[in-house]
Amino acid sequence: MTASAYRDHLGRPIVAVTGMGIITSLGQGLSDNWAALSSGTSGIHEINRFPTEGLSTRIAGTVDFIGIPAPNAVERSYAFARETTIEALADAGLSGDFNGPLFLAAPPIEPEWSARFELADRSPASEHPGDAYERFLTALRQRPDPAFHEAALFGAISERLADRFGTRGLPVTLSTACASGVTAIQLGIEAIRQGRTDRALTVATDGSLSAEALIRFSLLSALSTQNDPPTKASKPFSKDRDGFVIAEGAATLVLESLEAAVARGAKVLGIMKGAGDKADSFHRTRSSPDGGPAIATIRAALADAGIDESGIGYINAHGTSTPENDKMEYGAMSAVFGERIASIPVSSNKSMIGHTLTAAGAVEAVFSLQTMLTGTLPPTINYTNPDPSIVLDVVPNKKREAQVSAVLSNSFGFGGQNASLVMALEPA
C-alpha cells in the first residue's frame, strides 16, 4: 500500500480497530453477547443485589457473574474493565506491555451508603455534628479500611489497569455522562491522528448500580416502572415507553494507526472514520428539546469522517426508551438525514441490554462494528406499539441480514454531553 493509503481525507493517520472485548447483562465475551443480541434476547431481570421492596423500579441489567473481592462499584467496574481488556488484547494478538496510552471512561463513584453507615457507627462521638468529616478521618486512622479507601478512589480503576496491562504515560480517566464511552474512543483517535502514538487502549466500564443510584434516577422520573415482565420494560421508540432500564457493562477497543496495524499483520476489524461532540447548556439533565446540539454532533461526526448523509447505511441509536430523549433523537436524525431517515435501519441495543451509562458508547461501538462484520442488523425488541410521531425503520423485533459499510452510533448524555461516531469497514 502507498503512504497515502494510510491517510484520511484531511491527511491524518487512519485509525483502525484491531481488538474488541465486551461484557453486558447478556454475558461475557463478544461471541456470547452477539449471539444473544442478534437473536433478540433480553438481559434485563429482577434486581437481587439489594432489597427493592417499596421501590417503583425493581429491574435492571446488572452483571452479577464476575467475581469481585469487595462488593463496591470500584471493584465491579475494575473487574469488568479488566476482563474486557484481556479479551480485546487477545483479539488484537497483543501480549506483554501494551506500550500505548490508556483512556478510561469510568462512573463518578462514591462509597455506597452501607459503607458510610458502617464508618459512622465506629466514628468517635462528638458534640459538634458539623465535624463529621474529621470524625470519619479519625475512625480510618484508628482502623484502616482498605476496601472503603479503594471504593472512594475515582482514579483507582485506571491506575490498576495501567499496572496490569503496561500502558504508557499517565492513564486518563474521564466522565462525560452517557457519552463517556465515545469520549474515551475519541481521545484515542485523536492521540493517533496527532502522531503521539501508534496505538491506544480505550476502555469504558460501569459497575455502579446500587440502591442509591436507582433511587436517584427514579427521582428524576428517568427509569421505567414497567417491572413485569422485566424483559419487556425497555421499548425504545414505542408509544408506551416510560423510561430507561439502568444496566452495567464494559467494553474495550484496541485502536491502532492503520499503517502500524498492517505492518504487524494485525486483523483489522473496522475503521474509526469520524467523531463529533457538542455541548448542550440547556439543562443539568435534560437535552435541548429542539435537538440543536445533537444535530450539530451528528453533522460534526460526518464532516470529520469526510462523508455526507448518503454514506450511512445503519444507525445505532442512543435509543434510551425515555419519552423525551427518543423524541429528541428522532428529530435530530430527521434534521440531518431528511426524508431518507424513514428508510435507514435504526436500532437500539438498549432494548435488550438496558442503558449501561458510562459504558454505553463503547459497548454500542463494539456492536456497531460487529453489525458490519457479520452483515446482521440487530433488532429493536419490544416494538409492538409504534409511536406514530416517530417514523423509523427500527429493525423491529427480529434481526435482519444486510451488509452495510458505514455506521453512525449516537450517545447523548445527561447535562448535554453529546457524542457520535462514524465507523466503517476496512478500506480496500
Protein backbone atom coordinates (compact mmCIF):
# COMPACT_ATOMS: atom_id res chain seq x y z
CA MET A 1 0.00 0.00 0.00
CA THR A 2 1.17 3.52 -0.72
CA ALA A 3 1.75 6.01 2.09
CA SER A 4 -1.36 7.95 1.04
CA ALA A 5 -3.48 4.83 1.57
CA TYR A 6 -2.86 5.19 5.30
CA ARG A 7 -4.12 8.78 5.44
CA ASP A 8 -7.66 10.11 5.55
CA HIS A 9 -9.23 12.98 3.62
CA LEU A 10 -7.51 15.51 5.90
CA GLY A 11 -4.11 13.85 5.72
CA ARG A 12 -4.36 12.30 9.18
CA PRO A 13 -3.41 8.72 10.04
CA ILE A 14 -6.39 6.37 9.52
CA VAL A 15 -7.39 4.76 12.82
CA ALA A 16 -8.14 1.04 12.80
CA VAL A 17 -9.81 -1.16 15.40
CA THR A 18 -7.81 -4.35 15.92
CA GLY A 19 -9.32 -5.79 19.10
CA MET A 20 -12.63 -5.76 20.98
CA GLY A 21 -13.90 -7.09 24.29
CA ILE A 22 -17.31 -6.75 25.91
CA ILE A 23 -19.41 -7.60 28.98
CA THR A 24 -23.11 -6.82 29.40
CA SER A 25 -26.07 -8.35 31.16
CA LEU A 26 -26.24 -10.75 28.19
CA GLY A 27 -22.95 -12.38 29.20
CA GLN A 28 -19.19 -12.20 28.95
CA GLY A 29 -17.33 -12.01 25.65
CA LEU A 30 -18.20 -10.85 22.16
CA SER A 31 -19.35 -14.24 20.90
CA ASP A 32 -21.99 -14.80 23.58
CA ASN A 33 -23.11 -11.17 23.56
CA TRP A 34 -23.56 -11.02 19.82
CA ALA A 35 -25.42 -14.33 19.66
CA ALA A 36 -27.86 -13.11 22.30
CA LEU A 37 -28.21 -9.58 20.94
CA SER A 38 -28.76 -10.60 17.33
CA SER A 39 -31.37 -13.15 18.39
CA GLY A 40 -33.36 -10.52 20.29
CA THR A 41 -32.61 -11.86 23.77
CA SER A 42 -33.04 -9.53 26.75
CA GLY A 43 -30.63 -9.36 29.66
CA ILE A 44 -32.98 -7.38 31.90
CA HIS A 45 -34.05 -9.09 35.13
CA GLU A 46 -35.23 -8.51 38.67
CA ILE A 47 -32.61 -6.99 40.97
CA ASN A 48 -31.22 -9.30 43.64
CA ARG A 49 -28.17 -7.27 44.66
CA PHE A 50 -30.14 -5.25 47.21
CA PRO A 51 -33.73 -5.14 48.54
CA THR A 52 -36.20 -3.40 46.23
CA GLU A 53 -39.37 -3.51 48.34
CA GLY A 54 -41.18 -0.19 48.11
CA LEU A 55 -39.22 0.99 45.07
CA SER A 56 -41.06 1.90 41.89
CA THR A 57 -38.34 0.27 39.75
CA ARG A 58 -37.19 -3.24 40.68
CA ILE A 59 -35.43 -4.35 37.48
CA ALA A 60 -32.03 -3.74 35.89
CA GLY A 61 -29.34 -5.19 33.68
CA THR A 62 -26.88 -5.98 36.46
CA VAL A 63 -23.77 -8.06 35.79
CA ASP A 64 -23.57 -10.50 38.68
CA PHE A 65 -21.44 -13.27 37.18
CA ILE A 66 -17.97 -11.67 37.59
CA GLY A 67 -16.25 -12.38 40.92
CA ILE A 68 -15.06 -9.35 42.90
CA PRO A 69 -13.14 -9.15 46.22
CA ALA A 70 -15.39 -6.45 47.74
CA PRO A 71 -18.98 -5.51 46.86
CA ASN A 72 -18.49 -1.95 45.69
CA ALA A 73 -18.66 -0.01 42.44
CA VAL A 74 -14.88 0.38 42.06
CA GLU A 75 -14.25 -3.36 42.28
CA ARG A 76 -17.10 -4.16 39.90
CA SER A 77 -16.08 -1.51 37.39
CA TYR A 78 -12.43 -2.59 37.54
CA ALA A 79 -13.31 -6.28 37.13
CA PHE A 80 -15.47 -5.59 34.08
CA ALA A 81 -12.75 -3.40 32.52
CA ARG A 82 -10.04 -5.97 33.25
CA GLU A 83 -11.96 -8.81 31.64
CA THR A 84 -12.91 -6.88 28.51
CA THR A 85 -9.33 -5.66 28.11
CA ILE A 86 -7.99 -9.20 28.36
CA GLU A 87 -10.39 -10.21 25.60
CA ALA A 88 -9.59 -7.20 23.40
CA LEU A 89 -5.82 -7.64 23.62
CA ALA A 90 -6.14 -11.33 22.78
CA ASP A 91 -8.37 -10.41 19.85
CA ALA A 92 -5.72 -7.94 18.67
CA GLY A 93 -2.94 -10.50 19.02
CA LEU A 94 -1.06 -8.38 21.54
CA SER A 95 0.78 -9.64 24.61
CA GLY A 96 3.19 -8.15 27.12
CA ASP A 97 3.17 -4.44 27.89
CA PHE A 98 0.69 -2.54 25.75
CA ASN A 99 3.08 0.40 25.40
CA GLY A 100 0.45 2.95 24.45
CA PRO A 101 -1.84 5.37 26.32
CA LEU A 102 -4.96 4.33 28.24
CA PHE A 103 -8.19 6.31 28.04
CA LEU A 104 -10.80 5.12 30.52
CA ALA A 105 -14.43 6.11 30.88
CA ALA A 106 -15.50 5.34 34.45
CA PRO A 107 -18.56 6.23 36.54
CA PRO A 108 -18.34 9.08 39.08
CA ILE A 109 -18.13 6.69 42.01
CA GLU A 110 -18.90 7.38 45.67
CA PRO A 111 -18.84 4.98 48.65
CA GLU A 112 -22.20 3.27 48.98
CA TRP A 113 -24.45 4.18 51.90
CA SER A 114 -23.91 0.86 53.67
CA ALA A 115 -20.17 1.59 53.82
CA ARG A 116 -20.78 5.13 55.05
CA PHE A 117 -23.14 3.95 57.78
CA GLU A 118 -20.61 1.35 58.95
CA LEU A 119 -17.92 4.02 59.13
CA ALA A 120 -20.25 6.36 61.03
CA ASP A 121 -21.01 3.63 63.57
CA ARG A 122 -17.35 3.33 64.52
CA SER A 123 -16.57 7.04 64.41
CA PRO A 124 -15.95 8.74 67.79
CA ALA A 125 -18.84 10.71 69.25
CA SER A 126 -18.77 14.48 69.00
CA GLU A 127 -20.72 17.39 70.41
CA HIS A 128 -20.40 19.17 67.07
CA PRO A 129 -22.41 17.49 64.26
CA GLY A 130 -20.69 19.61 61.64
CA ASP A 131 -17.35 17.88 62.03
CA ALA A 132 -18.46 14.53 60.56
CA TYR A 133 -15.59 14.55 58.05
CA GLU A 134 -12.99 14.82 60.82
CA ARG A 135 -14.75 12.01 62.74
CA PHE A 136 -14.57 9.78 59.65
CA LEU A 137 -10.86 10.52 59.24
CA THR A 138 -10.25 9.70 62.91
CA ALA A 139 -12.03 6.37 62.54
CA LEU A 140 -9.96 5.47 59.48
CA ARG A 141 -6.72 6.42 61.25
CA GLN A 142 -7.64 4.21 64.17
CA ARG A 143 -8.52 1.24 61.97
CA PRO A 144 -7.51 1.48 58.32
CA ASP A 145 -10.14 0.19 55.91
CA PRO A 146 -8.54 -0.57 52.50
CA ALA A 147 -11.87 -1.61 50.94
CA PHE A 148 -13.55 1.68 51.88
CA HIS A 149 -10.49 3.65 50.75
CA GLU A 150 -10.50 1.89 47.36
CA ALA A 151 -14.23 2.46 46.97
CA ALA A 152 -13.71 6.22 47.27
CA LEU A 153 -10.96 6.49 44.65
CA PHE A 154 -12.35 7.54 41.26
CA GLY A 155 -8.94 7.20 39.59
CA ALA A 156 -8.03 3.83 41.08
CA ILE A 157 -9.51 1.84 38.19
CA SER A 158 -7.28 3.36 35.51
CA GLU A 159 -4.17 3.09 37.70
CA ARG A 160 -4.80 -0.61 38.25
CA LEU A 161 -5.47 -1.19 34.55
CA ALA A 162 -2.28 0.67 33.64
CA ASP A 163 -0.26 -1.51 36.01
CA ARG A 164 -1.92 -4.71 34.81
CA PHE A 165 -1.54 -4.11 31.07
CA GLY A 166 1.58 -1.97 30.85
CA THR A 167 0.15 1.15 29.26
CA ARG A 168 2.38 4.15 28.65
CA GLY A 169 2.17 7.54 30.33
CA LEU A 170 -0.38 8.78 32.83
CA PRO A 171 -3.74 7.00 32.34
CA VAL A 172 -6.63 9.33 31.62
CA THR A 173 -9.93 8.84 33.47
CA LEU A 174 -12.95 10.73 32.19
CA SER A 175 -16.66 11.03 32.80
CA THR A 176 -18.98 12.73 30.32
CA ALA A 177 -22.19 11.06 31.45
CA CYS A 178 -23.75 8.69 28.91
CA ALA A 179 -21.36 9.88 26.20
CA SER A 180 -18.28 8.76 28.19
CA GLY A 181 -17.57 5.63 26.17
CA VAL A 182 -17.47 7.60 22.93
CA THR A 183 -15.34 10.31 24.54
CA ALA A 184 -12.72 7.74 25.55
CA ILE A 185 -12.64 6.41 21.98
CA GLN A 186 -12.44 9.94 20.61
CA LEU A 187 -9.38 10.68 22.78
CA GLY A 188 -7.72 7.54 21.47
CA ILE A 189 -8.50 8.53 17.89
CA GLU A 190 -7.02 11.99 18.36
CA ALA A 191 -3.87 10.67 20.03
CA ILE A 192 -3.18 8.52 16.97
CA ARG A 193 -4.17 11.19 14.46
CA GLN A 194 -1.83 13.69 16.10
CA GLY A 195 1.07 11.27 15.82
CA ARG A 196 1.54 10.94 19.57
CA THR A 197 1.20 7.17 19.48
CA ASP A 198 0.64 4.26 17.09
CA ARG A 199 -1.84 2.56 19.41
CA ALA A 200 -4.27 3.41 22.19
CA LEU A 201 -6.29 1.38 24.66
CA THR A 202 -9.82 2.75 25.07
CA VAL A 203 -11.95 1.30 27.86
CA ALA A 204 -15.40 2.16 29.19
CA THR A 205 -16.86 0.48 32.25
CA ASP A 206 -19.76 0.91 34.65
CA GLY A 207 -20.48 -1.28 37.66
CA SER A 208 -22.04 1.46 39.73
CA LEU A 209 -25.57 0.11 40.05
CA SER A 210 -26.64 0.43 43.68
CA ALA A 211 -29.80 1.26 45.61
CA GLU A 212 -28.70 4.89 45.77
CA ALA A 213 -28.15 5.09 42.01
CA LEU A 214 -31.52 3.51 41.34
CA ILE A 215 -33.30 5.91 43.69
CA ARG A 216 -31.55 8.97 42.24
CA PHE A 217 -32.58 8.11 38.68
CA SER A 218 -36.09 7.27 39.89
CA LEU A 219 -36.39 10.72 41.47
CA LEU A 220 -35.62 12.17 38.04
CA SER A 221 -38.52 10.10 36.60
CA ALA A 222 -35.98 8.63 34.18
CA LEU A 223 -36.49 4.90 34.86
CA SER A 224 -39.11 2.54 33.55
CA THR A 225 -41.55 1.29 36.17
CA GLN A 226 -42.88 -1.50 33.96
CA ASN A 227 -41.38 -4.22 36.13
CA ASP A 228 -43.40 -7.22 34.99
CA PRO A 229 -42.06 -8.81 32.93
CA PRO A 230 -38.57 -7.25 33.14
CA THR A 231 -37.66 -8.24 29.59
CA LYS A 232 -40.45 -6.07 28.15
CA ALA A 233 -39.62 -2.84 30.00
CA SER A 234 -37.15 -1.24 27.59
CA LYS A 235 -39.07 -0.29 24.44
CA PRO A 236 -37.29 2.48 22.51
CA PHE A 237 -39.35 4.49 20.04
CA SER A 238 -42.58 2.81 21.18
CA LYS A 239 -45.66 4.79 22.13
CA ASP A 240 -45.87 3.24 25.60
CA ARG A 241 -42.20 3.73 26.56
CA ASP A 242 -41.85 5.21 30.03
CA GLY A 243 -38.13 5.34 30.82
CA PHE A 244 -34.80 3.57 30.51
CA VAL A 245 -33.65 0.44 32.29
CA ILE A 246 -30.43 1.01 34.21
CA ALA A 247 -27.68 -1.51 33.49
CA GLU A 248 -23.99 -2.37 33.81
CA GLY A 249 -21.28 -3.43 31.42
CA ALA A 250 -17.94 -2.63 29.84
CA ALA A 251 -16.18 -2.62 26.50
CA THR A 252 -12.58 -2.27 25.38
CA LEU A 253 -11.34 -1.35 21.92
CA VAL A 254 -7.74 -1.52 20.76
CA LEU A 255 -7.07 1.34 18.35
CA GLU A 256 -4.03 1.49 16.08
CA SER A 257 -2.93 3.53 13.12
CA LEU A 258 -3.85 1.52 10.04
CA GLU A 259 -0.23 1.68 8.91
CA ALA A 260 1.05 0.19 12.18
CA ALA A 261 -1.67 -2.47 12.18
CA VAL A 262 -0.87 -3.58 8.62
CA ALA A 263 2.86 -3.53 9.36
CA ARG A 264 2.47 -6.06 12.17
CA GLY A 265 -0.01 -8.18 10.24
CA ALA A 266 -2.93 -7.40 12.54
CA LYS A 267 -6.50 -8.28 11.74
CA VAL A 268 -8.38 -5.04 11.02
CA LEU A 269 -11.94 -5.17 12.37
CA GLY A 270 -13.01 -1.73 11.20
CA ILE A 271 -12.07 1.91 10.83
CA MET A 272 -12.89 4.82 13.14
CA LYS A 273 -13.65 7.32 10.38
CA GLY A 274 -15.06 10.22 12.36
CA ALA A 275 -16.09 11.53 15.74
CA GLY A 276 -18.11 14.56 16.76
CA ASP A 277 -19.08 16.11 20.07
CA LYS A 278 -21.06 19.18 21.10
CA ALA A 279 -22.03 20.55 24.48
CA ASP A 280 -25.61 21.44 25.36
CA SER A 281 -26.18 24.08 28.04
CA PHE A 282 -29.96 23.69 28.08
CA HIS A 283 -30.37 21.87 31.42
CA ARG A 284 -28.42 19.91 34.04
CA THR A 285 -30.02 16.62 32.99
CA ARG A 286 -32.36 17.20 30.03
CA SER A 287 -31.27 17.56 26.42
CA SER A 288 -32.39 20.56 24.41
CA PRO A 289 -35.86 19.65 23.05
CA ASP A 290 -35.12 21.20 19.65
CA GLY A 291 -32.23 18.77 19.21
CA GLY A 292 -29.87 21.53 18.07
CA PRO A 293 -26.73 20.23 19.83
CA ALA A 294 -27.47 16.63 18.79
CA ILE A 295 -27.90 17.74 15.18
CA ALA A 296 -24.58 19.56 15.34
CA THR A 297 -22.92 16.49 16.88
CA ILE A 298 -24.05 14.15 14.09
CA ARG A 299 -23.02 16.65 11.42
CA ALA A 300 -19.63 17.11 13.08
CA ALA A 301 -19.03 13.34 13.07
CA LEU A 302 -19.96 13.08 9.38
CA ALA A 303 -17.71 16.02 8.49
CA ASP A 304 -14.85 14.53 10.48
CA ALA A 305 -15.34 11.26 8.60
CA GLY A 306 -15.36 13.04 5.25
CA ILE A 307 -18.70 11.62 4.14
CA ASP A 308 -22.19 13.02 3.71
CA GLU A 309 -25.53 11.67 4.91
CA SER A 310 -25.88 9.29 1.98
CA GLY A 311 -22.85 7.30 3.13
CA ILE A 312 -24.51 5.97 6.30
CA GLY A 313 -26.23 2.60 5.92
CA TYR A 314 -27.22 1.94 9.53
CA ILE A 315 -27.62 3.93 12.74
CA ASN A 316 -27.03 2.54 16.20
CA ALA A 317 -29.33 4.91 18.09
CA HIS A 318 -28.88 6.20 21.61
CA GLY A 319 -32.47 4.96 21.92
CA THR A 320 -32.90 5.08 25.69
CA SER A 321 -36.67 4.41 25.80
CA THR A 322 -37.37 7.66 27.66
CA PRO A 323 -40.24 9.66 26.13
CA GLU A 324 -38.28 12.88 25.77
CA ASN A 325 -34.90 11.53 24.61
CA ASP A 326 -36.29 9.25 21.90
CA LYS A 327 -38.36 12.13 20.51
CA MET A 328 -35.35 14.47 20.55
CA GLU A 329 -33.07 11.93 18.87
CA TYR A 330 -35.63 11.25 16.14
CA GLY A 331 -35.92 14.96 15.49
CA ALA A 332 -32.14 15.31 15.30
CA MET A 333 -31.75 12.38 12.91
CA SER A 334 -34.60 13.69 10.75
CA ALA A 335 -32.96 17.10 10.54
CA VAL A 336 -29.70 15.57 9.34
CA PHE A 337 -30.97 12.79 7.05
CA GLY A 338 -34.25 14.33 5.88
CA GLU A 339 -36.92 12.04 4.42
CA ARG A 340 -34.32 9.28 4.00
CA ILE A 341 -34.37 8.66 7.76
CA ALA A 342 -37.56 6.60 7.35
CA SER A 343 -35.67 4.05 5.24
CA ILE A 344 -32.35 3.87 7.13
CA PRO A 345 -32.27 0.95 9.59
CA VAL A 346 -32.07 2.44 13.10
CA SER A 347 -31.99 0.09 16.06
CA SER A 348 -31.39 0.40 19.79
CA ASN A 349 -29.24 -2.13 21.65
CA LYS A 350 -30.67 -0.75 24.89
CA SER A 351 -33.93 -2.57 24.22
CA MET A 352 -32.03 -5.74 25.18
CA ILE A 353 -29.11 -4.74 27.42
CA GLY A 354 -30.54 -1.66 29.09
CA HIS A 355 -28.60 1.57 29.45
CA THR A 356 -25.02 0.83 30.53
CA LEU A 357 -24.47 4.52 31.33
CA THR A 358 -20.74 5.33 31.29
CA ALA A 359 -20.01 2.22 29.22
CA ALA A 360 -22.81 2.68 26.68
CA GLY A 361 -20.90 4.47 23.91
CA ALA A 362 -18.13 1.88 23.80
CA VAL A 363 -20.48 -1.09 24.17
CA GLU A 364 -22.53 0.17 21.24
CA ALA A 365 -19.40 0.89 19.19
CA VAL A 366 -18.46 -2.78 19.55
CA PHE A 367 -21.94 -3.85 18.45
CA SER A 368 -21.83 -1.37 15.54
CA LEU A 369 -18.57 -2.85 14.27
CA GLN A 370 -19.96 -6.35 14.69
CA THR A 371 -23.01 -5.33 12.67
CA MET A 372 -20.77 -4.53 9.71
CA LEU A 373 -18.51 -7.55 10.17
CA THR A 374 -21.39 -10.04 10.25
CA GLY A 375 -23.85 -8.40 7.86
CA THR A 376 -26.53 -8.67 10.54
CA LEU A 377 -28.60 -5.76 11.84
CA PRO A 378 -29.62 -6.36 15.47
CA PRO A 379 -33.28 -5.72 16.27
CA THR A 380 -35.07 -3.28 18.50
CA ILE A 381 -37.17 -5.62 20.61
CA ASN A 382 -40.49 -4.90 22.38
CA TYR A 383 -41.60 -2.86 19.38
CA THR A 384 -45.29 -3.75 19.29
CA ASN A 385 -46.88 -0.33 19.78
CA PRO A 386 -45.12 2.14 17.45
CA ASP A 387 -45.10 5.81 18.29
CA PRO A 388 -46.87 7.39 15.29
CA SER A 389 -44.85 10.59 15.73
CA ILE A 390 -41.55 8.68 15.29
CA VAL A 391 -41.39 7.22 11.80
CA LEU A 392 -38.34 4.95 11.77
CA ASP A 393 -37.28 1.56 10.50
CA VAL A 394 -36.22 0.25 13.91
CA VAL A 395 -35.49 -3.30 12.67
CA PRO A 396 -38.49 -4.37 14.73
CA ASN A 397 -38.19 -7.43 16.97
CA LYS A 398 -36.13 -9.62 14.63
CA LYS A 399 -32.64 -9.28 13.19
CA ARG A 400 -32.15 -8.53 9.50
CA GLU A 401 -29.42 -9.64 7.16
CA ALA A 402 -27.97 -6.65 5.34
CA GLN A 403 -24.43 -5.60 4.51
CA VAL A 404 -23.59 -2.02 5.42
CA SER A 405 -20.21 -0.36 5.05
CA ALA A 406 -20.62 2.68 7.31
CA VAL A 407 -22.43 3.09 10.63
CA LEU A 408 -23.34 6.07 12.80
CA SER A 409 -23.53 5.50 16.56
CA ASN A 410 -25.06 8.16 18.84
CA SER A 411 -24.52 8.80 22.56
CA PHE A 412 -26.43 11.73 24.04
CA GLY A 413 -25.82 12.11 27.76
CA PHE A 414 -27.16 13.93 30.79
CA GLY A 415 -26.17 17.56 31.05
CA GLY A 416 -25.85 17.94 27.29
CA GLN A 417 -22.87 15.67 26.71
CA ASN A 418 -23.38 14.67 23.07
CA ALA A 419 -21.04 12.48 21.02
CA SER A 420 -21.30 10.47 17.79
CA LEU A 421 -19.02 8.06 15.99
CA VAL A 422 -18.82 7.10 12.32
CA MET A 423 -17.32 3.65 11.75
CA ALA A 424 -16.61 1.81 8.53
CA LEU A 425 -15.20 -1.43 7.23
CA GLU A 426 -11.54 -1.64 6.27
CA PRO A 427 -10.81 0.36 3.11
CA ALA A 428 -9.96 -1.66 0.02
